[in-house]
Amino acid sequence: MEKLHSILDILESKLDDLDKVKLSVSQASVGWHIDHTLLATIGILDALKNSDPKKYKWSFNFNRILVYTINKIPRGRAKAPKTVVPQGIIEKENLKQKINLSRHKIKELKDLKS
């Protein structure tokens, strides 16, 4: 849990650089990447909270094995779901709210049964 909190601290420290873009890395701004990361984090935490381990059934998935083996997602190979793609204007206050929501949802994980 501490690692998640430290990652949120790093994201929060970058909020002053919202509009910066480094074209050699991405056409999207720092703010877009922070928003994308927070949307994905919130979605994953919600999925963990709402999941039922009894309903899980393993199935073979080559891409999953590839990602776990090389420990990264190859660039240009994955497409983000629409739910984690930021829309509209990205504002600092909105990102702060998402960071606080993420922190709250991380605390809720402690209450989940293993």
PDB file of N, CA and C in Angstrom:
ATOM      1  N   MET A   1       0.806  -1.187   0.000  1.00  0.00           N
ATOM      2  CA  MET A   1       0.000   0.000   0.000  1.00  0.00           C
ATOM      3  C   MET A   1       0.858   1.264   0.000  1.00  0.00           C
ATOM      4  N   GLU A   2       1.977   1.177   0.702  1.00  0.00           N
ATOM      5  CA  GLU A   2       2.862   2.343   0.773  1.00  0.00           C
ATOM      6  C   GLU A   2       3.393   2.725  -0.598  1.00  0.00           C
ATOM      7  N   LYS A   3       3.658   1.725  -1.435  1.00  0.00           N
ATOM      8  CA  LYS A   3       4.164   2.021  -2.771  1.00  0.00           C
ATOM      9  C   LYS A   3       3.117   2.788  -3.582  1.00  0.00           C
ATOM     10  N   LEU A   4       1.848   2.399  -3.453  1.00  0.00           N
ATOM     11  CA  LEU A   4       0.789   3.123  -4.147  1.00  0.00           C
ATOM     12  C   LEU A   4       0.708   4.573  -3.674  1.00  0.00           C
ATOM     13  N   HIS A   5       0.820   4.766  -2.368  1.00  0.00           N
ATOM     14  CA  HIS A   5       0.783   6.131  -1.835  1.00  0.00           C
ATOM     15  C   HIS A   5       1.973   6.949  -2.322  1.00  0.00           C
ATOM     16  N   SER A   6       3.140   6.327  -2.420  1.00  0.00           N
ATOM     17  CA  SER A   6       4.317   7.071  -2.889  1.00  0.00           C
ATOM     18  C   SER A   6       4.184   7.432  -4.368  1.00  0.00           C
ATOM     19  N   ILE A   7       3.552   6.569  -5.147  1.00  0.00           N
ATOM     20  CA  ILE A   7       3.315   6.890  -6.562  1.00  0.00           C
ATOM     21  C   ILE A   7       2.341   8.059  -6.674  1.00  0.00           C
ATOM     22  N   LEU A   8       1.314   8.062  -5.836  1.00  0.00           N
ATOM     23  CA  LEU A   8       0.378   9.192  -5.836  1.00  0.00           C
ATOM     24  C   LEU A   8       1.088  10.483  -5.418  1.00  0.00           C
ATOM     25  N   ASP A   9       2.029  10.380  -4.479  1.00  0.00           N
ATOM     26  CA  ASP A   9       2.815  11.554  -4.077  1.00  0.00           C
ATOM     27  C   ASP A   9       3.615  12.094  -5.257  1.00  0.00           C
ATOM     28  N   ILE A  10       4.210  11.204  -6.039  1.00  0.00           N
ATOM     29  CA  ILE A  10       4.982  11.624  -7.215  1.00  0.00           C
ATOM     30  C   ILE A  10       4.072  12.311  -8.227  1.00  0.00           C
ATOM     31  N   LEU A  11       2.899  11.708  -8.491  1.00  0.00           N
ATOM     32  CA  LEU A  11       1.953  12.324  -9.429  1.00  0.00           C
ATOM     33  C   LEU A  11       1.544  13.707  -8.939  1.00  0.00           C
ATOM     34  N   GLU A  12       1.281  13.814  -7.653  1.00  0.00           N
ATOM     35  CA  GLU A  12       0.860  15.102  -7.089  1.00  0.00           C
ATOM     36  C   GLU A  12       1.964  16.151  -7.215  1.00  0.00           C
ATOM     37  N   SER A  13       3.202  15.730  -7.113  1.00  0.00           N
ATOM     38  CA  SER A  13       4.327  16.675  -7.221  1.00  0.00           C
ATOM     39  C   SER A  13       4.490  17.211  -8.648  1.00  0.00           C
ATOM     40  N   LYS A  14       3.893  16.537  -9.616  1.00  0.00           N
ATOM     41  CA  LYS A  14       4.012  16.945 -11.015  1.00  0.00           C
ATOM     42  C   LYS A  14       2.843  17.806 -11.493  1.00  0.00           C
ATOM     43  N   LEU A  15       1.909  18.136 -10.606  1.00  0.00           N
ATOM     44  CA  LEU A  15       0.716  18.880 -11.009  1.00  0.00           C
ATOM     45  C   LEU A  15       1.021  20.267 -11.568  1.00  0.00           C
ATOM     46  N   ASP A  16       2.138  20.862 -11.165  1.00  0.00           N
ATOM     47  CA  ASP A  16       2.491  22.188 -11.685  1.00  0.00           C
ATOM     48  C   ASP A  16       2.960  22.126 -13.138  1.00  0.00           C
ATOM     49  N   ASP A  17       3.243  20.931 -13.650  1.00  0.00           N
ATOM     50  CA  ASP A  17       3.736  20.758 -15.019  1.00  0.00           C
ATOM     51  C   ASP A  17       2.643  20.263 -15.963  1.00  0.00           C
ATOM     52  N   LEU A  18       1.379  20.520 -15.640  1.00  0.00           N
ATOM     53  CA  LEU A  18       0.243  19.979 -16.393  1.00  0.00           C
ATOM     54  C   LEU A  18       0.328  20.184 -17.900  1.00  0.00           C
ATOM     55  N   ASP A  19       0.765  21.344 -18.301  1.00  0.00           N
ATOM     56  CA  ASP A  19       0.718  21.684 -19.724  1.00  0.00           C
ATOM     57  C   ASP A  19       1.994  21.331 -20.493  1.00  0.00           C
ATOM     58  N   LYS A  20       2.976  20.807 -19.813  1.00  0.00           N
ATOM     59  CA  LYS A  20       4.229  20.474 -20.493  1.00  0.00           C
ATOM     60  C   LYS A  20       4.062  19.252 -21.389  1.00  0.00           C
ATOM     61  N   VAL A  21       4.746  19.305 -22.528  1.00  0.00           N
ATOM     62  CA  VAL A  21       4.711  18.206 -23.494  1.00  0.00           C
ATOM     63  C   VAL A  21       6.140  17.966 -23.961  1.00  0.00           C
ATOM     64  N   LYS A  22       6.519  16.696 -24.051  1.00  0.00           N
ATOM     65  CA  LYS A  22       7.818  16.330 -24.616  1.00  0.00           C
ATOM     66  C   LYS A  22       7.528  15.425 -25.802  1.00  0.00           C
ATOM     67  N   LEU A  23       7.597  15.989 -26.996  1.00  0.00           N
ATOM     68  CA  LEU A  23       7.181  15.285 -28.204  1.00  0.00           C
ATOM     69  C   LEU A  23       7.991  14.023 -28.479  1.00  0.00           C
ATOM     70  N   SER A  24       9.208  13.958 -27.986  1.00  0.00           N
ATOM     71  CA  SER A  24      10.002  12.744 -28.201  1.00  0.00           C
ATOM     72  C   SER A  24       9.462  11.568 -27.378  1.00  0.00           C
ATOM     73  N   VAL A  25       8.623  11.873 -26.382  1.00  0.00           N
ATOM     74  CA  VAL A  25       8.034  10.831 -25.538  1.00  0.00           C
ATOM     75  C   VAL A  25       6.576  10.591 -25.908  1.00  0.00           C
ATOM     76  N   SER A  26       5.806  11.685 -26.023  1.00  0.00           N
ATOM     77  CA  SER A  26       4.380  11.565 -26.293  1.00  0.00           C
ATOM     78  C   SER A  26       3.838  12.904 -26.775  1.00  0.00           C
ATOM     79  N   GLN A  27       2.742  12.837 -27.515  1.00  0.00           N
ATOM     80  CA  GLN A  27       2.083  14.070 -27.941  1.00  0.00           C
ATOM     81  C   GLN A  27       1.150  14.602 -26.862  1.00  0.00           C
ATOM     82  N   ALA A  28       0.878  13.800 -25.852  1.00  0.00           N
ATOM     83  CA  ALA A  28      -0.015  14.194 -24.766  1.00  0.00           C
ATOM     84  C   ALA A  28       0.767  14.927 -23.669  1.00  0.00           C
ATOM     85  N   SER A  29       0.063  15.798 -22.969  1.00  0.00           N
ATOM     86  CA  SER A  29       0.693  16.589 -21.908  1.00  0.00           C
ATOM     87  C   SER A  29       0.890  15.755 -20.641  1.00  0.00           C
ATOM     88  N   VAL A  30       1.675  16.311 -19.739  1.00  0.00           N
ATOM     89  CA  VAL A  30       1.886  15.674 -18.440  1.00  0.00           C
ATOM     90  C   VAL A  30       0.546  15.511 -17.724  1.00  0.00           C
ATOM     91  N   GLY A  31      -0.297  16.536 -17.816  1.00  0.00           N
ATOM     92  CA  GLY A  31      -1.621  16.475 -17.188  1.00  0.00           C
ATOM     93  C   GLY A  31      -2.463  15.337 -17.726  1.00  0.00           C
ATOM     94  N   TRP A  32      -2.403  15.113 -19.041  1.00  0.00           N
ATOM     95  CA  TRP A  32      -3.162  14.022 -19.643  1.00  0.00           C
ATOM     96  C   TRP A  32      -2.693  12.687 -19.075  1.00  0.00           C
ATOM     97  N   HIS A  33      -1.382  12.518 -18.971  1.00  0.00           N
ATOM     98  CA  HIS A  33      -0.831  11.263 -18.451  1.00  0.00           C
ATOM     99  C   HIS A  33      -1.192  11.055 -16.973  1.00  0.00           C
ATOM    100  N   ILE A  34      -1.167  12.137 -16.189  1.00  0.00           N
ATOM    101  CA  ILE A  34      -1.560  12.024 -14.782  1.00  0.00           C
ATOM    102  C   ILE A  34      -3.029  11.621 -14.696  1.00  0.00           C
ATOM    103  N   ASP A  35      -3.882  12.289 -15.484  1.00  0.00           N
ATOM    104  CA  ASP A  35      -5.309  11.983 -15.478  1.00  0.00           C
ATOM    105  C   ASP A  35      -5.558  10.538 -15.901  1.00  0.00           C
ATOM    106  N   HIS A  36      -4.878  10.096 -16.940  1.00  0.00           N
ATOM    107  CA  HIS A  36      -5.012   8.714 -17.420  1.00  0.00           C
ATOM    108  C   HIS A  36      -4.624   7.721 -16.325  1.00  0.00           C
ATOM    109  N   THR A  37      -3.518   7.987 -15.653  1.00  0.00           N
ATOM    110  CA  THR A  37      -3.049   7.106 -14.581  1.00  0.00           C
ATOM    111  C   THR A  37      -4.061   7.052 -13.435  1.00  0.00           C
ATOM    112  N   LEU A  38      -4.617   8.208 -13.082  1.00  0.00           N
ATOM    113  CA  LEU A  38      -5.593   8.247 -11.991  1.00  0.00           C
ATOM    114  C   LEU A  38      -6.895   7.553 -12.371  1.00  0.00           C
ATOM    115  N   LEU A  39      -7.354   7.754 -13.598  1.00  0.00           N
ATOM    116  CA  LEU A  39      -8.570   7.073 -14.050  1.00  0.00           C
ATOM    117  C   LEU A  39      -8.381   5.553 -14.025  1.00  0.00           C
ATOM    118  N   ALA A  40      -7.230   5.089 -14.487  1.00  0.00           N
ATOM    119  CA  ALA A  40      -6.945   3.655 -14.481  1.00  0.00           C
ATOM    120  C   ALA A  40      -6.855   3.130 -13.043  1.00  0.00           C
ATOM    121  N   THR A  41      -6.194   3.873 -12.174  1.00  0.00           N
ATOM    122  CA  THR A  41      -6.045   3.469 -10.773  1.00  0.00           C
ATOM    123  C   THR A  41      -7.402   3.351 -10.095  1.00  0.00           C
ATOM    124  N   ILE A  42      -8.241   4.359 -10.268  1.00  0.00           N
ATOM    125  CA  ILE A  42      -9.575   4.346  -9.660  1.00  0.00           C
ATOM    126  C   ILE A  42     -10.390   3.174 -10.208  1.00  0.00           C
ATOM    127  N   GLY A  43     -10.304   2.941 -11.512  1.00  0.00           N
ATOM    128  CA  GLY A  43     -11.028   1.823 -12.116  1.00  0.00           C
ATOM    129  C   GLY A  43     -10.572   0.476 -11.586  1.00  0.00           C
ATOM    130  N   ILE A  44      -9.276   0.307 -11.439  1.00  0.00           N
ATOM    131  CA  ILE A  44      -8.728  -0.958 -10.917  1.00  0.00           C
ATOM    132  C   ILE A  44      -9.144  -1.162  -9.463  1.00  0.00           C
ATOM    133  N   LEU A  45      -9.064  -0.101  -8.665  1.00  0.00           N
ATOM    134  CA  LEU A  45      -9.449  -0.212  -7.257  1.00  0.00           C
ATOM    135  C   LEU A  45     -10.936  -0.536  -7.116  1.00  0.00           C
ATOM    136  N   ASP A  46     -11.772   0.066  -7.965  1.00  0.00           N
ATOM    137  CA  ASP A  46     -13.207  -0.259  -7.954  1.00  0.00           C
ATOM    138  C   ASP A  46     -13.434  -1.715  -8.354  1.00  0.00           C
ATOM    139  N   ALA A  47     -12.706  -2.180  -9.369  1.00  0.00           N
ATOM    140  CA  ALA A  47     -12.857  -3.567  -9.821  1.00  0.00           C
ATOM    141  C   ALA A  47     -12.445  -4.541  -8.717  1.00  0.00           C
ATOM    142  N   LEU A  48     -11.383  -4.223  -8.001  1.00  0.00           N
ATOM    143  CA  LEU A  48     -10.952  -5.078  -6.885  1.00  0.00           C
ATOM    144  C   LEU A  48     -12.020  -5.140  -5.800  1.00  0.00           C
ATOM    145  N   LYS A  49     -12.600  -3.988  -5.502  1.00  0.00           N
ATOM    146  CA  LYS A  49     -13.616  -3.929  -4.454  1.00  0.00           C
ATOM    147  C   LYS A  49     -14.870  -4.717  -4.847  1.00  0.00           C
ATOM    148  N   ASN A  50     -15.242  -4.660  -6.118  1.00  0.00           N
ATOM    149  CA  ASN A  50     -16.490  -5.278  -6.576  1.00  0.00           C
ATOM    150  C   ASN A  50     -16.328  -6.716  -7.063  1.00  0.00           C
ATOM    151  N   SER A  51     -15.103  -7.208  -7.118  1.00  0.00           N
ATOM    152  CA  SER A  51     -14.885  -8.555  -7.666  1.00  0.00           C
ATOM    153  C   SER A  51     -15.270  -9.633  -6.657  1.00  0.00           C
ATOM    154  N   ASP A  52     -15.585 -10.791  -7.197  1.00  0.00           N
ATOM    155  CA  ASP A  52     -15.915 -11.950  -6.368  1.00  0.00           C
ATOM    156  C   ASP A  52     -14.920 -13.061  -6.709  1.00  0.00           C
ATOM    157  N   PRO A  53     -13.964 -13.330  -5.819  1.00  0.00           N
ATOM    158  CA  PRO A  53     -12.943 -14.342  -6.099  1.00  0.00           C
ATOM    159  C   PRO A  53     -13.518 -15.722  -6.412  1.00  0.00           C
ATOM    160  N   LYS A  54     -14.704 -16.009  -5.915  1.00  0.00           N
ATOM    161  CA  LYS A  54     -15.314 -17.318  -6.155  1.00  0.00           C
ATOM    162  C   LYS A  54     -15.722 -17.493  -7.619  1.00  0.00           C
ATOM    163  N   LYS A  55     -15.915 -16.401  -8.322  1.00  0.00           N
ATOM    164  CA  LYS A  55     -16.345 -16.470  -9.719  1.00  0.00           C
ATOM    165  C   LYS A  55     -15.163 -16.491 -10.697  1.00  0.00           C
ATOM    166  N   TYR A  56     -13.939 -16.354 -10.172  1.00  0.00           N
ATOM    167  CA  TYR A  56     -12.763 -16.317 -11.045  1.00  0.00           C
ATOM    168  C   TYR A  56     -12.498 -17.685 -11.656  1.00  0.00           C
ATOM    169  N   LYS A  57     -12.213 -17.693 -12.947  1.00  0.00           N
ATOM    170  CA  LYS A  57     -11.838 -18.926 -13.633  1.00  0.00           C
ATOM    171  C   LYS A  57     -10.665 -18.593 -14.556  1.00  0.00           C
ATOM    172  N   TRP A  58      -9.542 -19.259 -14.345  1.00  0.00           N
ATOM    173  CA  TRP A  58      -8.353 -18.996 -15.125  1.00  0.00           C
ATOM    174  C   TRP A  58      -8.565 -19.436 -16.567  1.00  0.00           C
ATOM    175  N   SER A  59      -8.012 -18.657 -17.491  1.00  0.00           N
ATOM    176  CA  SER A  59      -8.006 -19.041 -18.898  1.00  0.00           C
ATOM    177  C   SER A  59      -6.676 -18.613 -19.505  1.00  0.00           C
ATOM    178  N   PHE A  60      -6.239 -19.347 -20.508  1.00  0.00           N
ATOM    179  CA  PHE A  60      -4.967 -19.033 -21.161  1.00  0.00           C
ATOM    180  C   PHE A  60      -5.091 -17.722 -21.928  1.00  0.00           C
ATOM    181  N   ASN A  61      -4.088 -16.856 -21.765  1.00  0.00           N
ATOM    182  CA  ASN A  61      -4.055 -15.588 -22.475  1.00  0.00           C
ATOM    183  C   ASN A  61      -2.589 -15.288 -22.792  1.00  0.00           C
ATOM    184  N   PHE A  62      -2.231 -15.386 -24.066  1.00  0.00           N
ATOM    185  CA  PHE A  62      -0.845 -15.200 -24.474  1.00  0.00           C
ATOM    186  C   PHE A  62      -0.329 -13.813 -24.103  1.00  0.00           C
ATOM    187  N   ASN A  63      -1.145 -12.786 -24.342  1.00  0.00           N
ATOM    188  CA  ASN A  63      -0.696 -11.418 -24.047  1.00  0.00           C
ATOM    189  C   ASN A  63      -0.394 -11.228 -22.569  1.00  0.00           C
ATOM    190  N   ARG A  64      -1.195 -11.816 -21.710  1.00  0.00           N
ATOM    191  CA  ARG A  64      -0.959 -11.717 -20.267  1.00  0.00           C
ATOM    192  C   ARG A  64       0.385 -12.355 -19.919  1.00  0.00           C
ATOM    193  N   ILE A  65       0.639 -13.538 -20.470  1.00  0.00           N
ATOM    194  CA  ILE A  65       1.901 -14.227 -20.194  1.00  0.00           C
ATOM    195  C   ILE A  65       3.084 -13.404 -20.712  1.00  0.00           C
ATOM    196  N   LEU A  66       2.936 -12.807 -21.884  1.00  0.00           N
ATOM    197  CA  LEU A  66       3.994 -11.965 -22.448  1.00  0.00           C
ATOM    198  C   LEU A  66       4.288 -10.778 -21.536  1.00  0.00           C
ATOM    199  N   VAL A  67       3.251 -10.071 -21.116  1.00  0.00           N
ATOM    200  CA  VAL A  67       3.433  -8.897 -20.264  1.00  0.00           C
ATOM    201  C   VAL A  67       4.070  -9.288 -18.939  1.00  0.00           C
ATOM    202  N   TYR A  68       3.612 -10.372 -18.325  1.00  0.00           N
ATOM    203  CA  TYR A  68       4.186 -10.811 -17.052  1.00  0.00           C
ATOM    204  C   TYR A  68       5.632 -11.276 -17.220  1.00  0.00           C
ATOM    205  N   THR A  69       5.956 -11.862 -18.367  1.00  0.00           N
ATOM    206  CA  THR A  69       7.308 -12.372 -18.596  1.00  0.00           C
ATOM    207  C   THR A  69       8.304 -11.241 -18.790  1.00  0.00           C
ATOM    208  N   ILE A  70       7.966 -10.268 -19.652  1.00  0.00           N
ATOM    209  CA  ILE A  70       8.909  -9.172 -19.917  1.00  0.00           C
ATOM    210  C   ILE A  70       8.726  -8.004 -18.954  1.00  0.00           C
ATOM    211  N   ASN A  71       7.681  -8.078 -18.125  1.00  0.00           N
ATOM    212  CA  ASN A  71       7.422  -7.096 -17.076  1.00  0.00           C
ATOM    213  C   ASN A  71       7.179  -5.683 -17.606  1.00  0.00           C
ATOM    214  N   LYS A  72       6.617  -5.576 -18.790  1.00  0.00           N
ATOM    215  CA  LYS A  72       6.202  -4.273 -19.319  1.00  0.00           C
ATOM    216  C   LYS A  72       5.249  -4.492 -20.487  1.00  0.00           C
ATOM    217  N   ILE A  73       4.505  -3.460 -20.815  1.00  0.00           N
ATOM    218  CA  ILE A  73       3.599  -3.513 -21.956  1.00  0.00           C
ATOM    219  C   ILE A  73       4.344  -2.900 -23.142  1.00  0.00           C
ATOM    220  N   PRO A  74       4.537  -3.658 -24.211  1.00  0.00           N
ATOM    221  CA  PRO A  74       5.260  -3.110 -25.362  1.00  0.00           C
ATOM    222  C   PRO A  74       4.563  -1.869 -25.919  1.00  0.00           C
ATOM    223  N   ARG A  75       5.353  -0.847 -26.240  1.00  0.00           N
ATOM    224  CA  ARG A  75       4.794   0.404 -26.772  1.00  0.00           C
ATOM    225  C   ARG A  75       4.016   0.161 -28.053  1.00  0.00           C
ATOM    226  N   GLY A  76       2.861   0.809 -28.143  1.00  0.00           N
ATOM    227  CA  GLY A  76       2.055   0.742 -29.346  1.00  0.00           C
ATOM    228  C   GLY A  76       1.269  -0.536 -29.519  1.00  0.00           C
ATOM    229  N   ARG A  77       1.312  -1.424 -28.535  1.00  0.00           N
ATOM    230  CA  ARG A  77       0.648  -2.723 -28.667  1.00  0.00           C
ATOM    231  C   ARG A  77      -0.691  -2.760 -27.943  1.00  0.00           C
ATOM    232  N   ALA A  78      -0.918  -1.843 -27.034  1.00  0.00           N
ATOM    233  CA  ALA A  78      -2.150  -1.857 -26.252  1.00  0.00           C
ATOM    234  C   ALA A  78      -2.961  -0.597 -26.530  1.00  0.00           C
ATOM    235  N   LYS A  79      -4.263  -0.725 -26.442  1.00  0.00           N
ATOM    236  CA  LYS A  79      -5.151   0.418 -26.616  1.00  0.00           C
ATOM    237  C   LYS A  79      -5.961   0.571 -25.335  1.00  0.00           C
ATOM    238  N   ALA A  80      -5.919   1.748 -24.776  1.00  0.00           N
ATOM    239  CA  ALA A  80      -6.615   1.997 -23.515  1.00  0.00           C
ATOM    240  C   ALA A  80      -8.125   2.022 -23.726  1.00  0.00           C
ATOM    241  N   PRO A  81      -8.874   1.449 -22.784  1.00  0.00           N
ATOM    242  CA  PRO A  81     -10.335   1.538 -22.863  1.00  0.00           C
ATOM    243  C   PRO A  81     -10.782   3.001 -22.750  1.00  0.00           C
ATOM    244  N   LYS A  82     -11.921   3.310 -23.335  1.00  0.00           N
ATOM    245  CA  LYS A  82     -12.423   4.691 -23.324  1.00  0.00           C
ATOM    246  C   LYS A  82     -12.605   5.231 -21.912  1.00  0.00           C
ATOM    247  N   THR A  83     -12.880   4.355 -20.954  1.00  0.00           N
ATOM    248  CA  THR A  83     -13.119   4.804 -19.578  1.00  0.00           C
ATOM    249  C   THR A  83     -11.882   5.384 -18.905  1.00  0.00           C
ATOM    250  N   VAL A  84     -10.701   5.089 -19.441  1.00  0.00           N
ATOM    251  CA  VAL A  84      -9.475   5.626 -18.833  1.00  0.00           C
ATOM    252  C   VAL A  84      -8.760   6.618 -19.741  1.00  0.00           C
ATOM    253  N   VAL A  85      -9.443   7.068 -20.791  1.00  0.00           N
ATOM    254  CA  VAL A  85      -8.879   8.086 -21.676  1.00  0.00           C
ATOM    255  C   VAL A  85      -9.470   9.437 -21.263  1.00  0.00           C
ATOM    256  N   PRO A  86      -8.628  10.362 -20.794  1.00  0.00           N
ATOM    257  CA  PRO A  86      -9.122  11.663 -20.342  1.00  0.00           C
ATOM    258  C   PRO A  86      -9.850  12.424 -21.454  1.00  0.00           C
ATOM    259  N   GLN A  87     -10.944  13.061 -21.059  1.00  0.00           N
ATOM    260  CA  GLN A  87     -11.744  13.847 -21.998  1.00  0.00           C
ATOM    261  C   GLN A  87     -11.803  15.290 -21.508  1.00  0.00           C
ATOM    262  N   GLY A  88     -11.825  16.221 -22.425  1.00  0.00           N
ATOM    263  CA  GLY A  88     -12.004  17.621 -22.062  1.00  0.00           C
ATOM    264  C   GLY A  88     -10.749  18.264 -21.504  1.00  0.00           C
ATOM    265  N   ILE A  89     -10.968  19.380 -20.831  1.00  0.00           N
ATOM    266  CA  ILE A  89      -9.871  20.167 -20.262  1.00  0.00           C
ATOM    267  C   ILE A  89      -9.435  19.545 -18.937  1.00  0.00           C
ATOM    268  N   ILE A  90      -8.144  19.425 -18.768  1.00  0.00           N
ATOM    269  CA  ILE A  90      -7.592  18.829 -17.548  1.00  0.00           C
ATOM    270  C   ILE A  90      -7.208  19.964 -16.610  1.00  0.00           C
ATOM    271  N   GLU A  91      -7.836  19.960 -15.425  1.00  0.00           N
ATOM    272  CA  GLU A  91      -7.616  21.026 -14.450  1.00  0.00           C
ATOM    273  C   GLU A  91      -6.952  20.473 -13.199  1.00  0.00           C
ATOM    274  N   LYS A  92      -6.113  21.300 -12.596  1.00  0.00           N
ATOM    275  CA  LYS A  92      -5.349  20.901 -11.420  1.00  0.00           C
ATOM    276  C   LYS A  92      -6.256  20.475 -10.268  1.00  0.00           C
ATOM    277  N   GLU A  93      -7.317  21.227 -10.006  1.00  0.00           N
ATOM    278  CA  GLU A  93      -8.223  20.904  -8.901  1.00  0.00           C
ATOM    279  C   GLU A  93      -8.895  19.550  -9.102  1.00  0.00           C
ATOM    280  N   ASN A  94      -9.283  19.271 -10.345  1.00  0.00           N
ATOM    281  CA  ASN A  94      -9.920  17.996 -10.656  1.00  0.00           C
ATOM    282  C   ASN A  94      -8.950  16.839 -10.400  1.00  0.00           C
ATOM    283  N   LEU A  95      -7.692  17.031 -10.772  1.00  0.00           N
ATOM    284  CA  LEU A  95      -6.686  15.986 -10.545  1.00  0.00           C
ATOM    285  C   LEU A  95      -6.421  15.784  -9.056  1.00  0.00           C
ATOM    286  N   LYS A  96      -6.426  16.877  -8.291  1.00  0.00           N
ATOM    287  CA  LYS A  96      -6.252  16.754  -6.838  1.00  0.00           C
ATOM    288  C   LYS A  96      -7.385  15.933  -6.235  1.00  0.00           C
ATOM    289  N   GLN A  97      -8.613  16.165  -6.711  1.00  0.00           N
ATOM    290  CA  GLN A  97      -9.754  15.391  -6.224  1.00  0.00           C
ATOM    291  C   GLN A  97      -9.587  13.914  -6.556  1.00  0.00           C
ATOM    292  N   LYS A  98      -9.097  13.614  -7.761  1.00  0.00           N
ATOM    293  CA  LYS A  98      -8.894  12.215  -8.155  1.00  0.00           C
ATOM    294  C   LYS A  98      -7.778  11.569  -7.339  1.00  0.00           C
ATOM    295  N   ILE A  99      -6.764  12.333  -7.002  1.00  0.00           N
ATOM    296  CA  ILE A  99      -5.683  11.810  -6.154  1.00  0.00           C
ATOM    297  C   ILE A  99      -6.239  11.478  -4.776  1.00  0.00           C
ATOM    298  N   ASN A 100      -7.046  12.374  -4.212  1.00  0.00           N
ATOM    299  CA  ASN A 100      -7.644  12.123  -2.900  1.00  0.00           C
ATOM    300  C   ASN A 100      -8.602  10.934  -2.949  1.00  0.00           C
ATOM    301  N   LEU A 101      -9.367  10.814  -4.022  1.00  0.00           N
ATOM    302  CA  LEU A 101     -10.264   9.670  -4.187  1.00  0.00           C
ATOM    303  C   LEU A 101      -9.461   8.373  -4.261  1.00  0.00           C
ATOM    304  N   SER A 102      -8.353   8.402  -4.980  1.00  0.00           N
ATOM    305  CA  SER A 102      -7.484   7.224  -5.081  1.00  0.00           C
ATOM    306  C   SER A 102      -6.940   6.833  -3.713  1.00  0.00           C
ATOM    307  N   ARG A 103      -6.510   7.819  -2.937  1.00  0.00           N
ATOM    308  CA  ARG A 103      -5.999   7.545  -1.582  1.00  0.00           C
ATOM    309  C   ARG A 103      -7.090   6.894  -0.719  1.00  0.00           C
ATOM    310  N   HIS A 104      -8.303   7.416  -0.838  1.00  0.00           N
ATOM    311  CA  HIS A 104      -9.424   6.867  -0.072  1.00  0.00           C
ATOM    312  C   HIS A 104      -9.705   5.414  -0.480  1.00  0.00           C
ATOM    313  N   LYS A 105      -9.693   5.143  -1.771  1.00  0.00           N
ATOM    314  CA  LYS A 105      -9.978   3.791  -2.259  1.00  0.00           C
ATOM    315  C   LYS A 105      -8.867   2.818  -1.869  1.00  0.00           C
ATOM    316  N   ILE A 106      -7.637   3.290  -1.796  1.00  0.00           N
ATOM    317  CA  ILE A 106      -6.528   2.439  -1.354  1.00  0.00           C
ATOM    318  C   ILE A 106      -6.740   2.034   0.107  1.00  0.00           C
ATOM    319  N   LYS A 107      -7.189   2.988   0.919  1.00  0.00           N
ATOM    320  CA  LYS A 107      -7.467   2.670   2.328  1.00  0.00           C
ATOM    321  C   LYS A 107      -8.580   1.634   2.440  1.00  0.00           C
ATOM    322  N   GLU A 108      -9.566   1.702   1.537  1.00  0.00           N
ATOM    323  CA  GLU A 108     -10.664   0.742   1.558  1.00  0.00           C
ATOM    324  C   GLU A 108     -10.187  -0.686   1.248  1.00  0.00           C
ATOM    325  N   LEU A 109      -9.071  -0.821   0.544  1.00  0.00           N
ATOM    326  CA  LEU A 109      -8.552  -2.149   0.207  1.00  0.00           C
ATOM    327  C   LEU A 109      -8.239  -2.961   1.460  1.00  0.00           C
ATOM    328  N   LYS A 110      -7.831  -2.288   2.511  1.00  0.00           N
ATOM    329  CA  LYS A 110      -7.488  -2.986   3.754  1.00  0.00           C
ATOM    330  C   LYS A 110      -8.687  -3.746   4.324  1.00  0.00           C
ATOM    331  N   ASP A 111      -9.887  -3.271   4.016  1.00  0.00           N
ATOM    332  CA  ASP A 111     -11.094  -3.902   4.534  1.00  0.00           C
ATOM    333  C   ASP A 111     -11.534  -5.117   3.716  1.00  0.00           C
ATOM    334  N   LEU A 112     -10.946  -5.300   2.543  1.00  0.00           N
ATOM    335  CA  LEU A 112     -11.348  -6.420   1.686  1.00  0.00           C
ATOM    336  C   LEU A 112     -10.810  -7.727   2.247  1.00  0.00           C
ATOM    337  N   LYS A 113     -11.589  -8.771   2.085  1.00  0.00           N
ATOM    338  CA  LYS A 113     -11.146 -10.105   2.510  1.00  0.00           C
ATOM    339  C   LYS A 113     -10.204 -10.671   1.468  1.00  0.00           C
ATOM    340  N   SER A 114      -9.228 -11.419   1.908  1.00  0.00           N
ATOM    341  CA  SER A 114      -8.271 -12.043   0.978  1.00  0.00           C
ATOM    342  C   SER A 114      -8.899 -13.190   0.247  1.00  0.00           C
TER     343      SER A 114
END
